[in-house]
Amino acid sequence: MVLSQSVNRPPERMKMLLALNGEWKGEMAEVRNGKKVKTKISHTSTKVAAGWGVMVQESAMIPEFGKYVSARIFSYNAAGDTTYMYVVDNRGDTWFYTGTWKSTRKLELESQTDLPEGKKLKKTVKYDFINLKEYEYRFMSAIGDSVISTVEMNMKKQ
């Protein structure tokens, strides 16, 4: 008698994140203090942890800030419907986001940090996968009801 081993596979919703694998290029537009700045951005992504995660390494040359590099690691909770994103960048910022898929192509993640005086810094990230070779990214940072900055990107697989 031969017993087959069960294979612990990533959930179906990881498929869109796994589509990030490869090289991507696009344009980023950031609005901060009412000023819009556009720049080119690129990232390389790879599957990690046997498909349970994706690591994205991105870079851009941002006017007034210089070179920006970051690493994002996405993962998925096997016991539920939560997707996680851990981000660290060359400015020394580190963020941990949690979120859910709103559809098979739309992922929304959020991070909140307590600030002095009882205020909260809230960061929201939205991924909208147009298809397997293009996605849109929207980021918003706010303290209370006041938006500090927004970033929009349109990325295409190379």
N, C-alpha and C. Protein backbone atom coordinates (compact mmCIF):
# COMPACT_ATOMS: atom_id res chain seq x y z
N MET A 1 0.84 -1.17 0.00
CA MET A 1 0.00 0.00 0.00
C MET A 1 0.89 1.24 0.00
N VAL A 2 0.60 2.15 -0.91
CA VAL A 2 1.37 3.39 -1.02
C VAL A 2 0.50 4.54 -0.55
N LEU A 3 1.01 5.29 0.40
CA LEU A 3 0.28 6.46 0.88
C LEU A 3 0.89 7.70 0.24
N SER A 4 0.04 8.55 -0.25
CA SER A 4 0.57 9.78 -0.83
C SER A 4 0.63 10.85 0.25
N GLN A 5 1.64 11.66 0.14
CA GLN A 5 1.79 12.76 1.08
C GLN A 5 0.93 13.92 0.60
N SER A 6 0.30 14.59 1.53
CA SER A 6 -0.44 15.79 1.14
C SER A 6 0.56 16.92 0.94
N VAL A 7 0.31 17.71 -0.05
CA VAL A 7 1.20 18.83 -0.35
C VAL A 7 0.53 20.11 0.12
N ASN A 8 1.22 20.83 0.96
CA ASN A 8 0.70 22.09 1.45
C ASN A 8 1.00 23.17 0.42
N ARG A 9 -0.01 23.57 -0.34
CA ARG A 9 0.17 24.51 -1.44
C ARG A 9 -0.38 25.87 -1.07
N PRO A 10 0.19 26.90 -1.68
CA PRO A 10 -0.34 28.25 -1.44
C PRO A 10 -1.77 28.36 -1.94
N PRO A 11 -2.57 29.21 -1.32
CA PRO A 11 -3.95 29.38 -1.73
C PRO A 11 -4.06 30.01 -3.13
N GLU A 12 -5.21 29.85 -3.74
CA GLU A 12 -5.47 30.36 -5.09
C GLU A 12 -5.16 31.85 -5.21
N ARG A 13 -5.48 32.60 -4.18
CA ARG A 13 -5.31 34.06 -4.28
C ARG A 13 -3.84 34.49 -4.34
N MET A 14 -2.93 33.59 -4.02
CA MET A 14 -1.51 33.94 -4.16
C MET A 14 -1.12 34.01 -5.63
N LYS A 15 -1.94 33.45 -6.51
CA LYS A 15 -1.59 33.43 -7.93
C LYS A 15 -1.32 34.82 -8.49
N MET A 16 -2.11 35.81 -8.12
CA MET A 16 -1.89 37.15 -8.64
C MET A 16 -0.58 37.73 -8.09
N LEU A 17 -0.27 37.46 -6.83
CA LEU A 17 1.01 37.93 -6.30
C LEU A 17 2.17 37.22 -6.99
N LEU A 18 2.00 35.94 -7.28
CA LEU A 18 3.07 35.21 -7.98
C LEU A 18 3.26 35.74 -9.39
N ALA A 19 2.24 36.40 -9.94
CA ALA A 19 2.38 37.02 -11.26
C ALA A 19 3.39 38.17 -11.22
N LEU A 20 3.71 38.67 -10.01
CA LEU A 20 4.71 39.73 -9.88
C LEU A 20 6.13 39.26 -10.23
N ASN A 21 6.34 37.94 -10.25
CA ASN A 21 7.69 37.42 -10.53
C ASN A 21 8.22 38.00 -11.84
N GLY A 22 9.47 38.44 -11.81
CA GLY A 22 10.11 38.97 -13.01
C GLY A 22 10.49 40.43 -12.85
N GLU A 23 10.78 41.07 -13.98
CA GLU A 23 11.19 42.47 -13.99
C GLU A 23 10.04 43.35 -14.44
N TRP A 24 9.87 44.47 -13.75
CA TRP A 24 8.78 45.41 -14.00
C TRP A 24 9.33 46.83 -14.08
N LYS A 25 8.71 47.65 -14.92
CA LYS A 25 9.07 49.06 -15.02
C LYS A 25 7.79 49.88 -15.13
N GLY A 26 7.88 51.12 -14.65
CA GLY A 26 6.72 51.98 -14.73
C GLY A 26 7.03 53.39 -14.31
N GLU A 27 5.95 54.14 -14.12
CA GLU A 27 6.08 55.53 -13.69
C GLU A 27 5.37 55.70 -12.36
N MET A 28 5.99 56.49 -11.50
CA MET A 28 5.45 56.77 -10.19
C MET A 28 5.16 58.26 -10.09
N ALA A 29 4.02 58.62 -9.54
CA ALA A 29 3.67 60.02 -9.30
C ALA A 29 3.35 60.16 -7.81
N GLU A 30 4.09 61.03 -7.13
CA GLU A 30 3.85 61.27 -5.71
C GLU A 30 3.38 62.70 -5.51
N VAL A 31 2.34 62.85 -4.69
CA VAL A 31 1.85 64.19 -4.32
C VAL A 31 2.11 64.35 -2.83
N ARG A 32 2.92 65.37 -2.52
CA ARG A 32 3.27 65.68 -1.13
C ARG A 32 3.26 67.19 -0.98
N ASN A 33 2.54 67.69 0.01
CA ASN A 33 2.40 69.13 0.23
C ASN A 33 1.89 69.85 -1.01
N GLY A 34 0.99 69.23 -1.74
CA GLY A 34 0.40 69.84 -2.92
C GLY A 34 1.27 69.83 -4.15
N LYS A 35 2.46 69.26 -4.06
CA LYS A 35 3.39 69.23 -5.19
C LYS A 35 3.47 67.81 -5.76
N LYS A 36 3.29 67.69 -7.09
CA LYS A 36 3.33 66.39 -7.75
C LYS A 36 4.70 66.18 -8.38
N VAL A 37 5.31 65.04 -8.06
CA VAL A 37 6.62 64.69 -8.60
C VAL A 37 6.51 63.34 -9.30
N LYS A 38 6.96 63.28 -10.56
CA LYS A 38 6.93 62.03 -11.32
C LYS A 38 8.33 61.50 -11.50
N THR A 39 8.46 60.19 -11.50
CA THR A 39 9.76 59.55 -11.73
C THR A 39 9.54 58.14 -12.25
N LYS A 40 10.57 57.57 -12.78
CA LYS A 40 10.54 56.17 -13.24
C LYS A 40 10.85 55.27 -12.05
N ILE A 41 10.26 54.09 -12.05
CA ILE A 41 10.49 53.14 -10.97
C ILE A 41 10.57 51.74 -11.58
N SER A 42 11.33 50.86 -10.96
CA SER A 42 11.42 49.49 -11.44
C SER A 42 11.52 48.55 -10.25
N HIS A 43 11.16 47.30 -10.49
CA HIS A 43 11.34 46.30 -9.44
C HIS A 43 11.54 44.92 -10.06
N THR A 44 12.23 44.10 -9.30
CA THR A 44 12.43 42.70 -9.64
C THR A 44 11.78 41.89 -8.53
N SER A 45 11.02 40.89 -8.91
CA SER A 45 10.29 40.10 -7.92
C SER A 45 10.58 38.62 -8.09
N THR A 46 10.61 37.92 -6.96
CA THR A 46 10.84 36.48 -7.00
C THR A 46 9.93 35.77 -5.99
N LYS A 47 9.59 34.55 -6.33
CA LYS A 47 8.83 33.70 -5.43
C LYS A 47 9.76 33.23 -4.32
N VAL A 48 9.26 33.21 -3.09
CA VAL A 48 10.05 32.73 -1.94
C VAL A 48 9.19 31.76 -1.14
N ALA A 49 9.82 30.99 -0.29
CA ALA A 49 9.15 30.06 0.62
C ALA A 49 8.18 29.13 -0.11
N ALA A 50 8.67 28.53 -1.20
CA ALA A 50 7.91 27.54 -1.97
C ALA A 50 6.57 28.08 -2.46
N GLY A 51 6.55 29.38 -2.77
CA GLY A 51 5.34 29.98 -3.31
C GLY A 51 4.42 30.60 -2.29
N TRP A 52 4.77 30.51 -1.02
CA TRP A 52 3.96 31.12 0.03
C TRP A 52 4.27 32.60 0.20
N GLY A 53 5.27 33.08 -0.51
CA GLY A 53 5.62 34.49 -0.43
C GLY A 53 6.21 35.00 -1.72
N VAL A 54 6.26 36.30 -1.83
CA VAL A 54 6.87 36.99 -2.97
C VAL A 54 7.72 38.12 -2.41
N MET A 55 8.96 38.24 -2.91
CA MET A 55 9.82 39.34 -2.50
C MET A 55 9.98 40.28 -3.68
N VAL A 56 9.70 41.56 -3.43
CA VAL A 56 9.80 42.61 -4.44
C VAL A 56 10.92 43.56 -4.03
N GLN A 57 11.90 43.75 -4.91
CA GLN A 57 12.98 44.70 -4.65
C GLN A 57 12.85 45.82 -5.67
N GLU A 58 12.50 47.03 -5.18
CA GLU A 58 12.26 48.13 -6.10
C GLU A 58 13.27 49.24 -5.92
N SER A 59 13.43 50.04 -6.99
CA SER A 59 14.33 51.19 -6.92
C SER A 59 13.83 52.30 -7.83
N ALA A 60 14.14 53.52 -7.41
CA ALA A 60 13.77 54.71 -8.17
C ALA A 60 14.73 55.83 -7.79
N MET A 61 14.89 56.79 -8.68
CA MET A 61 15.64 58.00 -8.38
C MET A 61 14.62 59.12 -8.23
N ILE A 62 14.36 59.52 -6.98
CA ILE A 62 13.30 60.47 -6.68
C ILE A 62 13.90 61.87 -6.53
N PRO A 63 13.41 62.82 -7.35
CA PRO A 63 13.91 64.19 -7.22
C PRO A 63 13.75 64.69 -5.78
N GLU A 64 14.73 65.40 -5.29
CA GLU A 64 14.78 65.97 -3.94
C GLU A 64 15.08 64.93 -2.85
N PHE A 65 14.97 63.64 -3.15
CA PHE A 65 15.27 62.61 -2.17
C PHE A 65 16.46 61.75 -2.57
N GLY A 66 16.71 61.64 -3.87
CA GLY A 66 17.80 60.79 -4.33
C GLY A 66 17.33 59.37 -4.57
N LYS A 67 18.27 58.44 -4.48
CA LYS A 67 17.96 57.04 -4.78
C LYS A 67 17.10 56.44 -3.68
N TYR A 68 16.05 55.76 -4.11
CA TYR A 68 15.15 55.07 -3.20
C TYR A 68 15.19 53.59 -3.53
N VAL A 69 15.40 52.75 -2.52
CA VAL A 69 15.33 51.30 -2.70
C VAL A 69 14.52 50.73 -1.54
N SER A 70 13.76 49.70 -1.85
CA SER A 70 12.99 49.04 -0.81
C SER A 70 12.86 47.56 -1.12
N ALA A 71 12.52 46.81 -0.09
CA ALA A 71 12.20 45.39 -0.23
C ALA A 71 10.85 45.18 0.42
N ARG A 72 9.99 44.48 -0.30
CA ARG A 72 8.66 44.12 0.21
C ARG A 72 8.56 42.60 0.19
N ILE A 73 8.05 42.07 1.26
CA ILE A 73 7.79 40.63 1.27
C ILE A 73 6.30 40.45 1.54
N PHE A 74 5.66 39.76 0.62
CA PHE A 74 4.24 39.42 0.75
C PHE A 74 4.13 37.98 1.22
N SER A 75 3.15 37.71 2.06
CA SER A 75 2.85 36.34 2.46
C SER A 75 1.36 36.23 2.71
N TYR A 76 0.94 35.00 2.91
CA TYR A 76 -0.49 34.72 3.04
C TYR A 76 -0.70 33.79 4.22
N ASN A 77 -1.75 34.01 4.96
CA ASN A 77 -2.06 33.18 6.11
C ASN A 77 -2.79 31.92 5.65
N ALA A 78 -2.21 30.78 5.92
CA ALA A 78 -2.82 29.51 5.51
C ALA A 78 -4.14 29.24 6.23
N ALA A 79 -4.32 29.82 7.41
CA ALA A 79 -5.51 29.53 8.21
C ALA A 79 -6.64 30.54 7.98
N GLY A 80 -6.39 31.56 7.17
CA GLY A 80 -7.44 32.57 6.99
C GLY A 80 -7.32 33.28 5.66
N ASP A 81 -7.90 34.45 5.61
CA ASP A 81 -7.96 35.20 4.36
C ASP A 81 -7.10 36.46 4.42
N THR A 82 -6.07 36.46 5.24
CA THR A 82 -5.26 37.65 5.41
C THR A 82 -3.97 37.56 4.59
N THR A 83 -3.65 38.66 3.93
CA THR A 83 -2.39 38.80 3.21
C THR A 83 -1.55 39.81 3.98
N TYR A 84 -0.24 39.56 4.06
CA TYR A 84 0.67 40.42 4.80
C TYR A 84 1.70 41.01 3.84
N MET A 85 2.16 42.23 4.17
CA MET A 85 3.25 42.84 3.41
C MET A 85 4.17 43.54 4.41
N TYR A 86 5.43 43.15 4.38
CA TYR A 86 6.46 43.75 5.23
C TYR A 86 7.37 44.57 4.32
N VAL A 87 7.60 45.83 4.67
CA VAL A 87 8.38 46.73 3.82
C VAL A 87 9.51 47.36 4.63
N VAL A 88 10.70 47.38 4.05
CA VAL A 88 11.82 48.11 4.63
C VAL A 88 12.50 48.85 3.48
N ASP A 89 12.93 50.10 3.77
CA ASP A 89 13.58 50.88 2.71
C ASP A 89 14.88 51.53 3.18
N ASN A 90 15.58 52.17 2.24
CA ASN A 90 16.89 52.75 2.54
C ASN A 90 16.78 54.06 3.32
N ARG A 91 15.60 54.50 3.65
CA ARG A 91 15.41 55.67 4.51
C ARG A 91 15.32 55.25 5.98
N GLY A 92 15.30 53.93 6.20
CA GLY A 92 15.19 53.41 7.56
C GLY A 92 13.75 53.18 7.99
N ASP A 93 12.82 53.33 7.07
CA ASP A 93 11.41 53.08 7.38
C ASP A 93 11.09 51.59 7.29
N THR A 94 10.31 51.11 8.21
CA THR A 94 9.86 49.73 8.22
C THR A 94 8.37 49.73 8.53
N TRP A 95 7.61 49.01 7.70
CA TRP A 95 6.15 48.98 7.88
C TRP A 95 5.65 47.55 7.73
N PHE A 96 4.61 47.24 8.50
CA PHE A 96 3.97 45.94 8.41
C PHE A 96 2.49 46.18 8.09
N TYR A 97 2.05 45.65 6.97
CA TYR A 97 0.68 45.85 6.50
C TYR A 97 -0.08 44.53 6.56
N THR A 98 -1.39 44.62 6.79
CA THR A 98 -2.27 43.47 6.69
C THR A 98 -3.45 43.86 5.83
N GLY A 99 -4.02 42.88 5.15
CA GLY A 99 -5.17 43.20 4.32
C GLY A 99 -5.81 41.96 3.74
N THR A 100 -6.79 42.21 2.90
CA THR A 100 -7.53 41.13 2.26
C THR A 100 -7.73 41.44 0.78
N TRP A 101 -8.01 40.40 0.05
CA TRP A 101 -8.34 40.51 -1.36
C TRP A 101 -9.81 40.91 -1.45
N LYS A 102 -10.08 42.00 -2.16
CA LYS A 102 -11.45 42.46 -2.37
C LYS A 102 -12.09 41.73 -3.55
N SER A 103 -11.25 41.22 -4.44
CA SER A 103 -11.67 40.37 -5.55
C SER A 103 -10.43 39.58 -5.96
N THR A 104 -10.51 38.79 -7.02
CA THR A 104 -9.35 38.01 -7.43
C THR A 104 -8.23 38.90 -7.99
N ARG A 105 -8.51 40.17 -8.25
CA ARG A 105 -7.51 41.07 -8.82
C ARG A 105 -7.24 42.33 -7.99
N LYS A 106 -7.92 42.49 -6.88
CA LYS A 106 -7.76 43.70 -6.06
C LYS A 106 -7.37 43.34 -4.63
N LEU A 107 -6.23 43.86 -4.21
CA LEU A 107 -5.70 43.63 -2.87
C LEU A 107 -5.59 44.97 -2.16
N GLU A 108 -6.11 45.05 -0.93
CA GLU A 108 -6.01 46.26 -0.12
C GLU A 108 -5.33 45.92 1.20
N LEU A 109 -4.32 46.72 1.54
CA LEU A 109 -3.54 46.50 2.76
C LEU A 109 -3.49 47.79 3.57
N GLU A 110 -3.32 47.66 4.89
CA GLU A 110 -3.30 48.83 5.75
C GLU A 110 -2.30 48.66 6.88
N SER A 111 -1.72 49.79 7.28
CA SER A 111 -0.81 49.81 8.42
C SER A 111 -1.16 51.03 9.27
N GLN A 112 -1.18 50.87 10.60
CA GLN A 112 -1.44 51.99 11.49
C GLN A 112 -0.38 52.05 12.57
N THR A 113 0.05 53.28 12.87
CA THR A 113 1.05 53.50 13.90
C THR A 113 0.55 54.59 14.84
N ASP A 114 0.68 54.37 16.14
CA ASP A 114 0.31 55.39 17.11
C ASP A 114 1.37 56.47 17.13
N LEU A 115 0.92 57.73 17.13
CA LEU A 115 1.81 58.88 17.19
C LEU A 115 1.61 59.59 18.53
N PRO A 116 2.55 60.48 18.89
CA PRO A 116 2.34 61.26 20.11
C PRO A 116 1.01 62.03 20.03
N GLU A 117 0.49 62.42 21.15
CA GLU A 117 -0.76 63.19 21.25
C GLU A 117 -1.98 62.36 20.84
N GLY A 118 -1.85 61.02 20.83
CA GLY A 118 -2.98 60.16 20.56
C GLY A 118 -3.41 60.06 19.11
N LYS A 119 -2.63 60.62 18.21
CA LYS A 119 -2.98 60.55 16.78
C LYS A 119 -2.46 59.25 16.18
N LYS A 120 -3.04 58.88 15.04
CA LYS A 120 -2.62 57.67 14.33
C LYS A 120 -2.16 58.03 12.92
N LEU A 121 -1.05 57.40 12.52
CA LEU A 121 -0.59 57.48 11.14
C LEU A 121 -1.12 56.24 10.45
N LYS A 122 -1.91 56.46 9.41
CA LYS A 122 -2.50 55.35 8.67
C LYS A 122 -1.95 55.35 7.25
N LYS A 123 -1.49 54.17 6.82
CA LYS A 123 -0.99 54.00 5.45
C LYS A 123 -1.85 52.93 4.78
N THR A 124 -2.33 53.24 3.59
CA THR A 124 -3.17 52.33 2.84
C THR A 124 -2.53 52.05 1.49
N VAL A 125 -2.48 50.79 1.10
CA VAL A 125 -1.92 50.38 -0.18
C VAL A 125 -2.97 49.57 -0.92
N LYS A 126 -3.15 49.90 -2.20
CA LYS A 126 -4.10 49.16 -3.04
C LYS A 126 -3.39 48.69 -4.30
N TYR A 127 -3.52 47.41 -4.59
CA TYR A 127 -3.01 46.81 -5.83
C TYR A 127 -4.21 46.42 -6.67
N ASP A 128 -4.19 46.84 -7.93
CA ASP A 128 -5.23 46.46 -8.87
C ASP A 128 -4.54 45.80 -10.06
N PHE A 129 -4.65 44.48 -10.15
CA PHE A 129 -4.00 43.74 -11.22
C PHE A 129 -4.89 43.79 -12.46
N ILE A 130 -4.47 44.55 -13.46
CA ILE A 130 -5.21 44.68 -14.70
C ILE A 130 -5.21 43.33 -15.43
N ASN A 131 -4.03 42.74 -15.50
CA ASN A 131 -3.85 41.40 -16.07
C ASN A 131 -2.52 40.87 -15.53
N LEU A 132 -2.00 39.79 -16.07
CA LEU A 132 -0.75 39.22 -15.55
C LEU A 132 0.48 40.02 -15.92
N LYS A 133 0.34 41.05 -16.76
CA LYS A 133 1.50 41.84 -17.19
C LYS A 133 1.38 43.33 -16.86
N GLU A 134 0.36 43.70 -16.10
CA GLU A 134 0.19 45.11 -15.74
C GLU A 134 -0.60 45.23 -14.45
N TYR A 135 -0.16 46.16 -13.58
CA TYR A 135 -0.94 46.46 -12.39
C TYR A 135 -0.81 47.93 -12.04
N GLU A 136 -1.80 48.40 -11.28
CA GLU A 136 -1.79 49.76 -10.76
C GLU A 136 -1.65 49.68 -9.24
N TYR A 137 -0.94 50.66 -8.70
CA TYR A 137 -0.64 50.70 -7.26
C TYR A 137 -1.06 52.09 -6.77
N ARG A 138 -1.74 52.12 -5.64
CA ARG A 138 -2.11 53.39 -5.02
C ARG A 138 -1.74 53.33 -3.54
N PHE A 139 -1.11 54.39 -3.07
CA PHE A 139 -0.67 54.49 -1.68
C PHE A 139 -1.17 55.81 -1.11
N MET A 140 -1.65 55.79 0.13
CA MET A 140 -2.04 57.01 0.80
C MET A 140 -1.56 56.97 2.24
N SER A 141 -0.99 58.08 2.68
CA SER A 141 -0.54 58.22 4.05
C SER A 141 -1.30 59.38 4.67
N ALA A 142 -1.90 59.16 5.86
CA ALA A 142 -2.71 60.20 6.49
C ALA A 142 -2.54 60.17 8.00
N ILE A 143 -2.67 61.34 8.60
CA ILE A 143 -2.76 61.46 10.05
C ILE A 143 -4.17 61.95 10.32
N GLY A 144 -4.94 61.11 10.97
CA GLY A 144 -6.35 61.43 11.15
C GLY A 144 -7.02 61.55 9.79
N ASP A 145 -7.68 62.67 9.56
CA ASP A 145 -8.35 62.91 8.28
C ASP A 145 -7.47 63.69 7.30
N SER A 146 -6.25 64.04 7.70
CA SER A 146 -5.36 64.85 6.85
C SER A 146 -4.42 63.96 6.05
N VAL A 147 -4.55 64.01 4.73
CA VAL A 147 -3.68 63.23 3.85
C VAL A 147 -2.32 63.91 3.79
N ILE A 148 -1.26 63.13 4.04
CA ILE A 148 0.11 63.65 4.00
C ILE A 148 0.69 63.49 2.60
N SER A 149 0.50 62.29 2.03
CA SER A 149 1.04 62.04 0.69
C SER A 149 0.25 60.94 0.01
N THR A 150 0.31 60.96 -1.31
CA THR A 150 -0.26 59.89 -2.13
C THR A 150 0.77 59.51 -3.18
N VAL A 151 0.76 58.25 -3.56
CA VAL A 151 1.64 57.75 -4.61
C VAL A 151 0.80 56.87 -5.53
N GLU A 152 0.96 57.06 -6.82
CA GLU A 152 0.31 56.20 -7.80
C GLU A 152 1.36 55.68 -8.76
N MET A 153 1.26 54.39 -9.10
CA MET A 153 2.19 53.79 -10.05
C MET A 153 1.40 52.94 -11.04
N ASN A 154 1.89 52.90 -12.25
CA ASN A 154 1.41 51.96 -13.26
C ASN A 154 2.61 51.16 -13.68
N MET A 155 2.57 49.85 -13.45
CA MET A 155 3.73 48.99 -13.69
C MET A 155 3.41 47.98 -14.80
N LYS A 156 4.43 47.76 -15.65
CA LYS A 156 4.28 46.79 -16.74
C LYS A 156 5.45 45.81 -16.71
N LYS A 157 5.12 44.54 -16.92
CA LYS A 157 6.13 43.49 -16.92
C LYS A 157 6.98 43.60 -18.18
N GLN A 158 8.27 43.40 -17.99
CA GLN A 158 9.21 43.53 -19.12
C GLN A 158 9.46 42.20 -19.80
